PDB file of N, CA and C in Angstrom:
ATOM      1  N   UNK A   1      13.919   7.785  -8.290  1.00  0.00           N
ATOM      2  CA  UNK A   1      14.728   7.807  -7.092  1.00  0.00           C
ATOM      3  C   UNK A   1      15.535   9.096  -7.001  1.00  0.00           C
ATOM      4  N   UNK A   2      15.984   9.616  -8.128  1.00  0.00           N
ATOM      5  CA  UNK A   2      16.754  10.856  -8.074  1.00  0.00           C
ATOM      6  C   UNK A   2      15.910  11.993  -7.503  1.00  0.00           C
ATOM      7  N   UNK A   3      14.651  12.067  -7.896  1.00  0.00           N
ATOM      8  CA  UNK A   3      13.761  13.100  -7.374  1.00  0.00           C
ATOM      9  C   UNK A   3      13.572  12.928  -5.869  1.00  0.00           C
ATOM     10  N   UNK A   4      13.340  11.698  -5.428  1.00  0.00           N
ATOM     11  CA  UNK A   4      13.172  11.434  -3.998  1.00  0.00           C
ATOM     12  C   UNK A   4      14.441  11.801  -3.233  1.00  0.00           C
ATOM     13  N   UNK A   5      15.595  11.436  -3.765  1.00  0.00           N
ATOM     14  CA  UNK A   5      16.859  11.753  -3.095  1.00  0.00           C
ATOM     15  C   UNK A   5      17.106  13.252  -3.024  1.00  0.00           C
ATOM     16  N   UNK A   6      16.567  13.994  -3.979  1.00  0.00           N
ATOM     17  CA  UNK A   6      16.751  15.446  -3.937  1.00  0.00           C
ATOM     18  C   UNK A   6      15.853  16.092  -2.881  1.00  0.00           C
ATOM     19  N   UNK A   7      14.801  15.398  -2.465  1.00  0.00           N
ATOM     20  CA  UNK A   7      13.858  15.943  -1.489  1.00  0.00           C
ATOM     21  C   UNK A   7      14.063  15.399  -0.070  1.00  0.00           C
ATOM     22  N   UNK A   8      14.610  14.205   0.056  1.00  0.00           N
ATOM     23  CA  UNK A   8      14.725  13.539   1.344  1.00  0.00           C
ATOM     24  C   UNK A   8      16.149  13.073   1.573  1.00  0.00           C
ATOM     25  N   UNK A   9      16.487  12.923   2.832  1.00  0.00           N
ATOM     26  CA  UNK A   9      17.759  12.298   3.177  1.00  0.00           C
ATOM     27  C   UNK A   9      17.470  11.223   4.216  1.00  0.00           C
ATOM     28  N   UNK A  10      18.394  10.317   4.384  1.00  0.00           N
ATOM     29  CA  UNK A  10      18.226   9.269   5.379  1.00  0.00           C
ATOM     30  C   UNK A  10      19.575   8.968   6.000  1.00  0.00           C
ATOM     31  N   UNK A  11      19.514   8.435   7.188  1.00  0.00           N
ATOM     32  CA  UNK A  11      20.721   8.030   7.895  1.00  0.00           C
ATOM     33  C   UNK A  11      20.385   6.793   8.714  1.00  0.00           C
ATOM     34  N   UNK A  12      21.401   6.119   9.187  1.00  0.00           N
ATOM     35  CA  UNK A  12      21.166   4.981  10.074  1.00  0.00           C
ATOM     36  C   UNK A  12      21.800   5.284  11.433  1.00  0.00           C
ATOM     37  N   UNK A  13      21.270   4.648  12.455  1.00  0.00           N
ATOM     38  CA  UNK A  13      21.728   4.839  13.820  1.00  0.00           C
ATOM     39  C   UNK A  13      21.869   3.452  14.442  1.00  0.00           C
ATOM     40  N   UNK A  14      22.992   3.203  15.079  1.00  0.00           N
ATOM     41  CA  UNK A  14      23.216   1.899  15.713  1.00  0.00           C
ATOM     42  C   UNK A  14      22.395   1.781  16.996  1.00  0.00           C
ATOM     43  N   UNK A  15      22.276   0.552  17.494  1.00  0.00           N
ATOM     44  CA  UNK A  15      21.585   0.336  18.768  1.00  0.00           C
ATOM     45  C   UNK A  15      22.266   1.113  19.891  1.00  0.00           C
ATOM     46  N   UNK A  16      23.592   1.125  19.882  1.00  0.00           N
ATOM     47  CA  UNK A  16      24.334   1.835  20.925  1.00  0.00           C
ATOM     48  C   UNK A  16      24.053   3.344  20.856  1.00  0.00           C
ATOM     49  N   UNK A  17      24.035   3.901  19.651  1.00  0.00           N
ATOM     50  CA  UNK A  17      23.734   5.332  19.495  1.00  0.00           C
ATOM     51  C   UNK A  17      22.297   5.644  19.904  1.00  0.00           C
ATOM     52  N   UNK A  18      21.393   4.722  19.601  1.00  0.00           N
ATOM     53  CA  UNK A  18      19.989   4.902  19.988  1.00  0.00           C
ATOM     54  C   UNK A  18      19.866   4.969  21.502  1.00  0.00           C
ATOM     55  N   UNK A  19      20.496   4.025  22.193  1.00  0.00           N
ATOM     56  CA  UNK A  19      20.434   4.007  23.658  1.00  0.00           C
ATOM     57  C   UNK A  19      21.121   5.232  24.250  1.00  0.00           C
ATOM     58  N   UNK A  20      22.218   5.653  23.644  1.00  0.00           N
ATOM     59  CA  UNK A  20      22.910   6.858  24.127  1.00  0.00           C
ATOM     60  C   UNK A  20      22.013   8.082  23.975  1.00  0.00           C
ATOM     61  N   UNK A  21      21.238   8.151  22.888  1.00  0.00           N
ATOM     62  CA  UNK A  21      20.333   9.289  22.698  1.00  0.00           C
ATOM     63  C   UNK A  21      19.186   9.252  23.701  1.00  0.00           C
ATOM     64  N   UNK A  22      18.670   8.074  23.992  1.00  0.00           N
ATOM     65  CA  UNK A  22      17.627   7.952  25.020  1.00  0.00           C
ATOM     66  C   UNK A  22      18.160   8.504  26.340  1.00  0.00           C
ATOM     67  N   UNK A  23      19.362   8.080  26.715  1.00  0.00           N
ATOM     68  CA  UNK A  23      19.965   8.521  27.981  1.00  0.00           C
ATOM     69  C   UNK A  23      20.242  10.025  27.965  1.00  0.00           C
ATOM     70  N   UNK A  24      20.788  10.521  26.877  1.00  0.00           N
ATOM     71  CA  UNK A  24      21.119  11.940  26.775  1.00  0.00           C
ATOM     72  C   UNK A  24      19.881  12.825  26.867  1.00  0.00           C
ATOM     73  N   UNK A  25      18.848  12.446  26.165  1.00  0.00           N
ATOM     74  CA  UNK A  25      17.614  13.235  26.197  1.00  0.00           C
ATOM     75  C   UNK A  25      17.004  13.202  27.591  1.00  0.00           C
ATOM     76  N   UNK A  26      17.074  12.056  28.250  1.00  0.00           N
ATOM     77  CA  UNK A  26      16.551  11.974  29.620  1.00  0.00           C
ATOM     78  C   UNK A  26      17.353  12.900  30.553  1.00  0.00           C
ATOM     79  N   UNK A  27      18.680  12.851  30.445  1.00  0.00           N
ATOM     80  CA  UNK A  27      19.517  13.703  31.304  1.00  0.00           C
ATOM     81  C   UNK A  27      19.264  15.186  31.045  1.00  0.00           C
ATOM     82  N   UNK A  28      19.134  15.559  29.777  1.00  0.00           N
ATOM     83  CA  UNK A  28      19.014  16.972  29.414  1.00  0.00           C
ATOM     84  C   UNK A  28      17.600  17.521  29.553  1.00  0.00           C
ATOM     85  N   UNK A  29      16.590  16.690  29.319  1.00  0.00           N
ATOM     86  CA  UNK A  29      15.208  17.199  29.251  1.00  0.00           C
ATOM     87  C   UNK A  29      14.235  16.478  30.180  1.00  0.00           C
ATOM     88  N   UNK A  30      14.677  15.390  30.805  1.00  0.00           N
ATOM     89  CA  UNK A  30      13.790  14.533  31.577  1.00  0.00           C
ATOM     90  C   UNK A  30      12.589  14.087  30.744  1.00  0.00           C
ATOM     91  N   UNK A  31      12.861  13.791  29.473  1.00  0.00           N
ATOM     92  CA  UNK A  31      11.857  13.247  28.564  1.00  0.00           C
ATOM     93  C   UNK A  31      12.350  11.883  28.118  1.00  0.00           C
ATOM     94  N   UNK A  32      11.518  10.879  28.289  1.00  0.00           N
ATOM     95  CA  UNK A  32      11.915   9.521  27.951  1.00  0.00           C
ATOM     96  C   UNK A  32      11.483   9.178  26.532  1.00  0.00           C
ATOM     97  N   UNK A  33      12.464   9.063  25.657  1.00  0.00           N
ATOM     98  CA  UNK A  33      12.205   8.700  24.265  1.00  0.00           C
ATOM     99  C   UNK A  33      12.075   7.188  24.122  1.00  0.00           C
ATOM    100  N   UNK A  34      11.223   6.760  23.213  1.00  0.00           N
ATOM    101  CA  UNK A  34      11.237   5.365  22.796  1.00  0.00           C
ATOM    102  C   UNK A  34      12.343   5.229  21.750  1.00  0.00           C
ATOM    103  N   UNK A  35      12.785   4.020  21.420  1.00  0.00           N
ATOM    104  CA  UNK A  35      13.869   3.871  20.446  1.00  0.00           C
ATOM    105  C   UNK A  35      13.573   4.500  19.082  1.00  0.00           C
ATOM    106  N   UNK A  36      12.340   4.412  18.600  1.00  0.00           N
ATOM    107  CA  UNK A  36      12.014   5.005  17.295  1.00  0.00           C
ATOM    108  C   UNK A  36      12.237   6.504  17.319  1.00  0.00           C
ATOM    109  N   UNK A  37      11.734   7.141  18.363  1.00  0.00           N
ATOM    110  CA  UNK A  37      11.897   8.587  18.492  1.00  0.00           C
ATOM    111  C   UNK A  37      13.361   8.955  18.674  1.00  0.00           C
ATOM    112  N   UNK A  38      14.085   8.142  19.445  1.00  0.00           N
ATOM    113  CA  UNK A  38      15.503   8.416  19.689  1.00  0.00           C
ATOM    114  C   UNK A  38      16.299   8.409  18.382  1.00  0.00           C
ATOM    115  N   UNK A  39      15.973   7.513  17.492  1.00  0.00           N
ATOM    116  CA  UNK A  39      16.653   7.472  16.191  1.00  0.00           C
ATOM    117  C   UNK A  39      16.395   8.765  15.429  1.00  0.00           C
ATOM    118  N   UNK A  40      15.144   9.201  15.398  1.00  0.00           N
ATOM    119  CA  UNK A  40      14.820  10.445  14.705  1.00  0.00           C
ATOM    120  C   UNK A  40      15.521  11.641  15.305  1.00  0.00           C
ATOM    121  N   UNK A  41      15.555  11.716  16.629  1.00  0.00           N
ATOM    122  CA  UNK A  41      16.215  12.835  17.306  1.00  0.00           C
ATOM    123  C   UNK A  41      17.714  12.804  17.043  1.00  0.00           C
ATOM    124  N   UNK A  42      18.325  11.632  17.140  1.00  0.00           N
ATOM    125  CA  UNK A  42      19.763  11.500  16.889  1.00  0.00           C
ATOM    126  C   UNK A  42      20.119  11.966  15.487  1.00  0.00           C
ATOM    127  N   UNK A  43      19.356  11.535  14.502  1.00  0.00           N
ATOM    128  CA  UNK A  43      19.615  11.926  13.119  1.00  0.00           C
ATOM    129  C   UNK A  43      19.397  13.424  12.953  1.00  0.00           C
ATOM    130  N   UNK A  44      18.338  13.960  13.540  1.00  0.00           N
ATOM    131  CA  UNK A  44      18.052  15.391  13.419  1.00  0.00           C
ATOM    132  C   UNK A  44      19.180  16.217  14.031  1.00  0.00           C
ATOM    133  N   UNK A  45      19.643  15.809  15.210  1.00  0.00           N
ATOM    134  CA  UNK A  45      20.710  16.570  15.870  1.00  0.00           C
ATOM    135  C   UNK A  45      22.027  16.498  15.109  1.00  0.00           C
ATOM    136  N   UNK A  46      22.252  15.392  14.425  1.00  0.00           N
ATOM    137  CA  UNK A  46      23.499  15.235  13.676  1.00  0.00           C
ATOM    138  C   UNK A  46      23.376  15.516  12.197  1.00  0.00           C
ATOM    139  N   UNK A  47      22.283  16.139  11.798  1.00  0.00           N
ATOM    140  CA  UNK A  47      22.021  16.323  10.366  1.00  0.00           C
ATOM    141  C   UNK A  47      22.939  17.338   9.705  1.00  0.00           C
ATOM    142  N   UNK A  48      23.526  18.227  10.498  1.00  0.00           N
ATOM    143  CA  UNK A  48      24.375  19.253   9.916  1.00  0.00           C
ATOM    144  C   UNK A  48      23.600  20.414   9.320  1.00  0.00           C
ATOM    145  N   UNK A  49      22.293  20.382   9.471  1.00  0.00           N
ATOM    146  CA  UNK A  49      21.481  21.484   8.959  1.00  0.00           C
ATOM    147  C   UNK A  49      21.667  22.718   9.833  1.00  0.00           C
ATOM    148  N   UNK A  50      21.539  23.905   9.247  1.00  0.00           N
ATOM    149  CA  UNK A  50      21.616  25.121  10.061  1.00  0.00           C
ATOM    150  C   UNK A  50      20.497  25.139  11.095  1.00  0.00           C
ATOM    151  N   UNK A  51      20.729  25.761  12.247  1.00  0.00           N
ATOM    152  CA  UNK A  51      19.726  25.763  13.320  1.00  0.00           C
ATOM    153  C   UNK A  51      18.371  26.349  12.913  1.00  0.00           C
ATOM    154  N   UNK A  52      18.354  27.226  11.924  1.00  0.00           N
ATOM    155  CA  UNK A  52      17.078  27.835  11.523  1.00  0.00           C
ATOM    156  C   UNK A  52      16.227  26.921  10.632  1.00  0.00           C
ATOM    157  N   UNK A  53      16.787  25.799  10.192  1.00  0.00           N
ATOM    158  CA  UNK A  53      16.030  24.855   9.375  1.00  0.00           C
ATOM    159  C   UNK A  53      15.241  23.940  10.298  1.00  0.00           C
ATOM    160  N   UNK A  54      13.912  23.965  10.201  1.00  0.00           N
ATOM    161  CA  UNK A  54      13.122  23.098  11.088  1.00  0.00           C
ATOM    162  C   UNK A  54      13.264  21.632  10.691  1.00  0.00           C
ATOM    163  N   UNK A  55      13.324  20.793  11.698  1.00  0.00           N
ATOM    164  CA  UNK A  55      13.373  19.350  11.491  1.00  0.00           C
ATOM    165  C   UNK A  55      12.296  18.748  12.378  1.00  0.00           C
ATOM    166  N   UNK A  56      11.491  17.883  11.816  1.00  0.00           N
ATOM    167  CA  UNK A  56      10.414  17.238  12.549  1.00  0.00           C
ATOM    168  C   UNK A  56      10.705  15.747  12.595  1.00  0.00           C
ATOM    169  N   UNK A  57      10.648  15.183  13.786  1.00  0.00           N
ATOM    170  CA  UNK A  57      10.770  13.730  13.915  1.00  0.00           C
ATOM    171  C   UNK A  57       9.461  13.210  14.491  1.00  0.00           C
ATOM    172  N   UNK A  58       9.006  12.102  13.976  1.00  0.00           N
ATOM    173  CA  UNK A  58       7.750  11.509  14.408  1.00  0.00           C
ATOM    174  C   UNK A  58       7.971  10.058  14.787  1.00  0.00           C
ATOM    175  N   UNK A  59       7.195   9.611  15.738  1.00  0.00           N
ATOM    176  CA  UNK A  59       7.224   8.197  16.099  1.00  0.00           C
ATOM    177  C   UNK A  59       5.856   7.822  16.648  1.00  0.00           C
ATOM    178  N   UNK A  60       5.548   6.560  16.577  1.00  0.00           N
ATOM    179  CA  UNK A  60       4.238   6.108  17.043  1.00  0.00           C
ATOM    180  C   UNK A  60       4.353   5.176  18.228  1.00  0.00           C
ATOM    181  N   UNK A  61       5.556   5.005  18.753  1.00  0.00           N
ATOM    182  CA  UNK A  61       5.761   4.038  19.836  1.00  0.00           C
ATOM    183  C   UNK A  61       5.757   4.725  21.200  1.00  0.00           C
ATOM    184  N   UNK A  62       5.623   3.924  22.227  1.00  0.00           N
ATOM    185  CA  UNK A  62       5.667   4.395  23.604  1.00  0.00           C
ATOM    186  C   UNK A  62       6.856   3.712  24.282  1.00  0.00           C
ATOM    187  N   UNK A  63       7.608   4.432  25.106  1.00  0.00           N
ATOM    188  CA  UNK A  63       8.790   3.825  25.733  1.00  0.00           C
ATOM    189  C   UNK A  63       8.489   2.572  26.546  1.00  0.00           C
ATOM    190  N   UNK A  64       7.296   2.442  27.069  1.00  0.00           N
ATOM    191  CA  UNK A  64       6.953   1.256  27.867  1.00  0.00           C
ATOM    192  C   UNK A  64       7.003  -0.027  27.045  1.00  0.00           C
ATOM    193  N   UNK A  65       6.916   0.086  25.732  1.00  0.00           N
ATOM    194  CA  UNK A  65       7.000  -1.099  24.876  1.00  0.00           C
ATOM    195  C   UNK A  65       8.430  -1.616  24.757  1.00  0.00           C
ATOM    196  N   UNK A  66       9.406  -0.844  25.246  1.00  0.00           N
ATOM    197  CA  UNK A  66      10.814  -1.169  25.017  1.00  0.00           C
ATOM    198  C   UNK A  66      11.618  -1.145  26.322  1.00  0.00           C
ATOM    199  N   UNK A  67      11.213  -1.937  27.322  1.00  0.00           N
ATOM    200  CA  UNK A  67      11.937  -1.887  28.599  1.00  0.00           C
ATOM    201  C   UNK A  67      13.407  -2.277  28.467  1.00  0.00           C
ATOM    202  N   UNK A  68      13.722  -3.185  27.555  1.00  0.00           N
ATOM    203  CA  UNK A  68      15.126  -3.587  27.376  1.00  0.00           C
ATOM    204  C   UNK A  68      15.969  -2.425  26.865  1.00  0.00           C
ATOM    205  N   UNK A  69      15.435  -1.647  25.947  1.00  0.00           N
ATOM    206  CA  UNK A  69      16.166  -0.489  25.416  1.00  0.00           C
ATOM    207  C   UNK A  69      16.340   0.576  26.494  1.00  0.00           C
ATOM    208  N   UNK A  70      15.326   0.764  27.328  1.00  0.00           N
ATOM    209  CA  UNK A  70      15.417   1.747  28.407  1.00  0.00           C
ATOM    210  C   UNK A  70      16.509   1.317  29.391  1.00  0.00           C
ATOM    211  N   UNK A  71      16.559   0.022  29.726  1.00  0.00           N
ATOM    212  CA  UNK A  71      17.617  -0.487  30.601  1.00  0.00           C
ATOM    213  C   UNK A  71      18.986  -0.378  29.931  1.00  0.00           C
ATOM    214  N   UNK A  72      19.050  -0.690  28.623  1.00  0.00           N
ATOM    215  CA  UNK A  72      20.322  -0.598  27.893  1.00  0.00           C
ATOM    216  C   UNK A  72      20.832   0.840  27.834  1.00  0.00           C
ATOM    217  N   UNK A  73      19.925   1.797  27.959  1.00  0.00           N
ATOM    218  CA  UNK A  73      20.315   3.209  27.986  1.00  0.00           C
ATOM    219  C   UNK A  73      20.837   3.605  29.363  1.00  0.00           C
ATOM    220  N   UNK A  74      20.820   2.649  30.301  1.00  0.00           N
ATOM    221  CA  UNK A  74      21.324   2.924  31.628  1.00  0.00           C
ATOM    222  C   UNK A  74      20.310   3.583  32.535  1.00  0.00           C
ATOM    223  N   UNK A  75      19.053   3.537  32.154  1.00  0.00           N
ATOM    224  CA  UNK A  75      18.002   4.165  32.949  1.00  0.00           C
ATOM    225  C   UNK A  75      17.202   3.093  33.667  1.00  0.00           C
ATOM    226  N   UNK A  76      16.787   3.395  34.862  1.00  0.00           N
ATOM    227  CA  UNK A  76      15.962   2.450  35.607  1.00  0.00           C
ATOM    228  C   UNK A  76      14.557   3.002  35.808  1.00  0.00           C
ATOM    229  N   UNK A  77      14.108   3.766  34.827  1.00  0.00           N
ATOM    230  CA  UNK A  77      12.796   4.374  34.905  1.00  0.00           C
ATOM    231  C   UNK A  77      11.709   3.315  34.801  1.00  0.00           C
ATOM    232  N   UNK A  78      10.779   3.358  35.709  1.00  0.00           N
ATOM    233  CA  UNK A  78       9.611   2.484  35.607  1.00  0.00           C
ATOM    234  C   UNK A  78       8.642   3.173  34.653  1.00  0.00           C
ATOM    235  N   UNK A  79       8.383   2.530  33.547  1.00  0.00           N
ATOM    236  CA  UNK A  79       7.547   3.141  32.519  1.00  0.00           C
ATOM    237  C   UNK A  79       6.274   2.330  32.368  1.00  0.00           C
ATOM    238  N   UNK A  80       5.166   2.951  32.659  1.00  0.00           N
ATOM    239  CA  UNK A  80       3.871   2.277  32.530  1.00  0.00           C
ATOM    240  C   UNK A  80       3.197   2.731  31.243  1.00  0.00           C
ATOM    241  N   UNK A  81       2.501   1.809  30.644  1.00  0.00           N
ATOM    242  CA  UNK A  81       1.707   2.162  29.474  1.00  0.00           C
ATOM    243  C   UNK A  81       0.556   3.067  29.906  1.00  0.00           C
ATOM    244  N   UNK A  82       0.098   3.947  29.013  1.00  0.00           N
ATOM    245  CA  UNK A  82      -1.092   4.742  29.330  1.00  0.00           C
ATOM    246  C   UNK A  82      -2.271   3.815  29.613  1.00  0.00           C
ATOM    247  N   UNK A  83      -3.205   4.304  30.391  1.00  0.00           N
ATOM    248  CA  UNK A  83      -4.336   3.490  30.837  1.00  0.00           C
ATOM    249  C   UNK A  83      -5.020   2.762  29.680  1.00  0.00           C
ATOM    250  N   UNK A  84      -5.238   3.443  28.560  1.00  0.00           N
ATOM    251  CA  UNK A  84      -5.952   2.815  27.449  1.00  0.00           C
ATOM    252  C   UNK A  84      -5.126   1.745  26.728  1.00  0.00           C
ATOM    253  N   UNK A  85      -3.858   1.601  27.107  1.00  0.00           N
ATOM    254  CA  UNK A  85      -3.008   0.586  26.488  1.00  0.00           C
ATOM    255  C   UNK A  85      -2.484  -0.444  27.479  1.00  0.00           C
ATOM    256  N   UNK A  86      -2.950  -0.429  28.702  1.00  0.00           N
ATOM    257  CA  UNK A  86      -2.403  -1.303  29.739  1.00  0.00           C
ATOM    258  C   UNK A  86      -2.476  -2.779  29.366  1.00  0.00           C
ATOM    259  N   UNK A  87      -3.450  -3.164  28.560  1.00  0.00           N
ATOM    260  CA  UNK A  87      -3.582  -4.576  28.170  1.00  0.00           C
ATOM    261  C   UNK A  87      -2.917  -4.869  26.820  1.00  0.00           C
ATOM    262  N   UNK A  88      -2.068  -3.981  26.359  1.00  0.00           N
ATOM    263  CA  UNK A  88      -1.473  -4.095  25.026  1.00  0.00           C
ATOM    264  C   UNK A  88      -0.812  -5.453  24.782  1.00  0.00           C
ATOM    265  N   UNK A  89      -0.037  -5.929  25.740  1.00  0.00           N
ATOM    266  CA  UNK A  89       0.715  -7.164  25.527  1.00  0.00           C
ATOM    267  C   UNK A  89      -0.157  -8.410  25.617  1.00  0.00           C
ATOM    268  N   UNK A  90      -1.384  -8.256  26.072  1.00  0.00           N
ATOM    269  CA  UNK A  90      -2.318  -9.381  26.123  1.00  0.00           C
ATOM    270  C   UNK A  90      -3.295  -9.372  24.948  1.00  0.00           C
ATOM    271  N   UNK A  91      -3.343  -8.301  24.212  1.00  0.00           N
ATOM    272  CA  UNK A  91      -4.291  -8.191  23.097  1.00  0.00           C
ATOM    273  C   UNK A  91      -3.930  -9.160  21.977  1.00  0.00           C
ATOM    274  N   UNK A  92      -4.960  -9.588  21.276  1.00  0.00           N
ATOM    275  CA  UNK A  92      -4.757 -10.434  20.104  1.00  0.00           C
ATOM    276  C   UNK A  92      -4.157  -9.567  19.000  1.00  0.00           C
ATOM    277  N   UNK A  93      -3.121 -10.077  18.360  1.00  0.00           N
ATOM    278  CA  UNK A  93      -2.495  -9.349  17.264  1.00  0.00           C
ATOM    279  C   UNK A  93      -3.345  -9.491  16.013  1.00  0.00           C
ATOM    280  N   UNK A  94      -3.559  -8.377  15.332  1.00  0.00           N
ATOM    281  CA  UNK A  94      -4.350  -8.387  14.096  1.00  0.00           C
ATOM    282  C   UNK A  94      -3.453  -7.972  12.940  1.00  0.00           C
ATOM    283  N   UNK A  95      -3.488  -8.751  11.877  1.00  0.00           N
ATOM    284  CA  UNK A  95      -2.663  -8.502  10.705  1.00  0.00           C
ATOM    285  C   UNK A  95      -3.533  -8.651   9.462  1.00  0.00           C
ATOM    286  N   UNK A  96      -3.335  -7.763   8.522  1.00  0.00           N
ATOM    287  CA  UNK A  96      -4.026  -7.876   7.234  1.00  0.00           C
ATOM    288  C   UNK A  96      -2.999  -7.703   6.123  1.00  0.00           C
ATOM    289  N   UNK A  97      -2.973  -8.613   5.193  1.00  0.00           N
ATOM    290  CA  UNK A  97      -2.092  -8.520   4.030  1.00  0.00           C
ATOM    291  C   UNK A  97      -2.904  -7.912   2.897  1.00  0.00           C
ATOM    292  N   UNK A  98      -2.407  -6.802   2.356  1.00  0.00           N
ATOM    293  CA  UNK A  98      -3.122  -6.085   1.311  1.00  0.00           C
ATOM    294  C   UNK A  98      -2.320  -6.096   0.025  1.00  0.00           C
ATOM    295  N   UNK A  99      -3.001  -5.971  -1.095  1.00  0.00           N
ATOM    296  CA  UNK A  99      -2.275  -5.875  -2.364  1.00  0.00           C
ATOM    297  C   UNK A  99      -1.557  -4.532  -2.465  1.00  0.00           C
ATOM    298  N   UNK A 100      -0.582  -4.468  -3.326  1.00  0.00           N
ATOM    299  CA  UNK A 100       0.157  -3.235  -3.575  1.00  0.00           C
ATOM    300  C   UNK A 100      -0.704  -2.327  -4.456  1.00  0.00           C
ATOM    301  N   UNK A 101      -1.749  -1.782  -3.837  1.00  0.00           N
ATOM    302  CA  UNK A 101      -2.726  -0.993  -4.583  1.00  0.00           C
ATOM    303  C   UNK A 101      -3.254   0.107  -3.658  1.00  0.00           C
ATOM    304  N   UNK A 102      -3.039   1.347  -4.004  1.00  0.00           N
ATOM    305  CA  UNK A 102      -3.427   2.471  -3.168  1.00  0.00           C
ATOM    306  C   UNK A 102      -4.913   2.454  -2.834  1.00  0.00           C
ATOM    307  N   UNK A 103      -5.751   2.188  -3.793  1.00  0.00           N
ATOM    308  CA  UNK A 103      -7.195   2.179  -3.551  1.00  0.00           C
ATOM    309  C   UNK A 103      -7.576   1.100  -2.538  1.00  0.00           C
ATOM    310  N   UNK A 104      -6.927  -0.061  -2.626  1.00  0.00           N
ATOM    311  CA  UNK A 104      -7.216  -1.142  -1.681  1.00  0.00           C
ATOM    312  C   UNK A 104      -6.788  -0.750  -0.262  1.00  0.00           C
ATOM    313  N   UNK A 105      -5.644  -0.107  -0.136  1.00  0.00           N
ATOM    314  CA  UNK A 105      -5.170   0.341   1.182  1.00  0.00           C
ATOM    315  C   UNK A 105      -6.109   1.404   1.745  1.00  0.00           C
ATOM    316  N   UNK A 106      -6.501   2.352   0.909  1.00  0.00           N
ATOM    317  CA  UNK A 106      -7.415   3.404   1.362  1.00  0.00           C
ATOM    318  C   UNK A 106      -8.758   2.825   1.786  1.00  0.00           C
ATOM    319  N   UNK A 107      -9.259   1.880   1.035  1.00  0.00           N
ATOM    320  CA  UNK A 107     -10.538   1.250   1.371  1.00  0.00           C
ATOM    321  C   UNK A 107     -10.424   0.484   2.689  1.00  0.00           C
ATOM    322  N   UNK A 108      -9.318  -0.226   2.878  1.00  0.00           N
ATOM    323  CA  UNK A 108      -9.116  -0.951   4.122  1.00  0.00           C
ATOM    324  C   UNK A 108      -9.080   0.004   5.306  1.00  0.00           C
ATOM    325  N   UNK A 109      -8.366   1.095   5.149  1.00  0.00           N
ATOM    326  CA  UNK A 109      -8.275   2.081   6.226  1.00  0.00           C
ATOM    327  C   UNK A 109      -9.653   2.679   6.542  1.00  0.00           C
ATOM    328  N   UNK A 110     -10.389   3.028   5.532  1.00  0.00           N
ATOM    329  CA  UNK A 110     -11.714   3.610   5.740  1.00  0.00           C
ATOM    330  C   UNK A 110     -12.651   2.608   6.437  1.00  0.00           C
ATOM    331  N   UNK A 111     -12.539   1.345   6.062  1.00  0.00           N
ATOM    332  CA  UNK A 111     -13.397   0.319   6.663  1.00  0.00           C
ATOM    333  C   UNK A 111     -12.999  -0.034   8.100  1.00  0.00           C
ATOM    334  N   UNK A 112     -11.752   0.216   8.456  1.00  0.00           N
ATOM    335  CA  UNK A 112     -11.244  -0.249   9.756  1.00  0.00           C
ATOM    336  C   UNK A 112     -10.758   0.865  10.677  1.00  0.00           C
ATOM    337  N   UNK A 113     -11.023   2.089  10.354  1.00  0.00           N
ATOM    338  CA  UNK A 113     -10.495   3.213  11.129  1.00  0.00           C
ATOM    339  C   UNK A 113     -10.916   3.172  12.590  1.00  0.00           C
ATOM    340  N   UNK A 114     -12.073   2.680  12.901  1.00  0.00           N
ATOM    341  CA  UNK A 114     -12.542   2.618  14.277  1.00  0.00           C
ATOM    342  C   UNK A 114     -12.679   1.190  14.781  1.00  0.00           C
ATOM    343  N   UNK A 115     -12.044   0.265  14.105  1.00  0.00           N
ATOM    344  CA  UNK A 115     -12.168  -1.154  14.492  1.00  0.00           C
ATOM    345  C   UNK A 115     -11.396  -1.442  15.761  1.00  0.00           C
TER     346      UNK A 115
END
């Protein structure tokens, strides 16, 4: 853990701060963040790192999945899912429980990458 702590840092962001970041980014950039991305952006902006230090935030969510958060941010943006995801909320949920084993996870991913 000491090695990991020397390489990485972490922070937490409240729901209110997340919604405030969604609203702020929309006002400043007209870019609609999903809550996951908003957390990363909020932490990056408040990291205290010098401006020349690059910070990368990643997220895999789409704002359309979080209409309540978008409304809580004070925005009334109508957000539609991309065409290839329009049926997302009707799709059957798929879950696989895997052992805590890297080879098993890699094999599962290789077998299901295009499933």
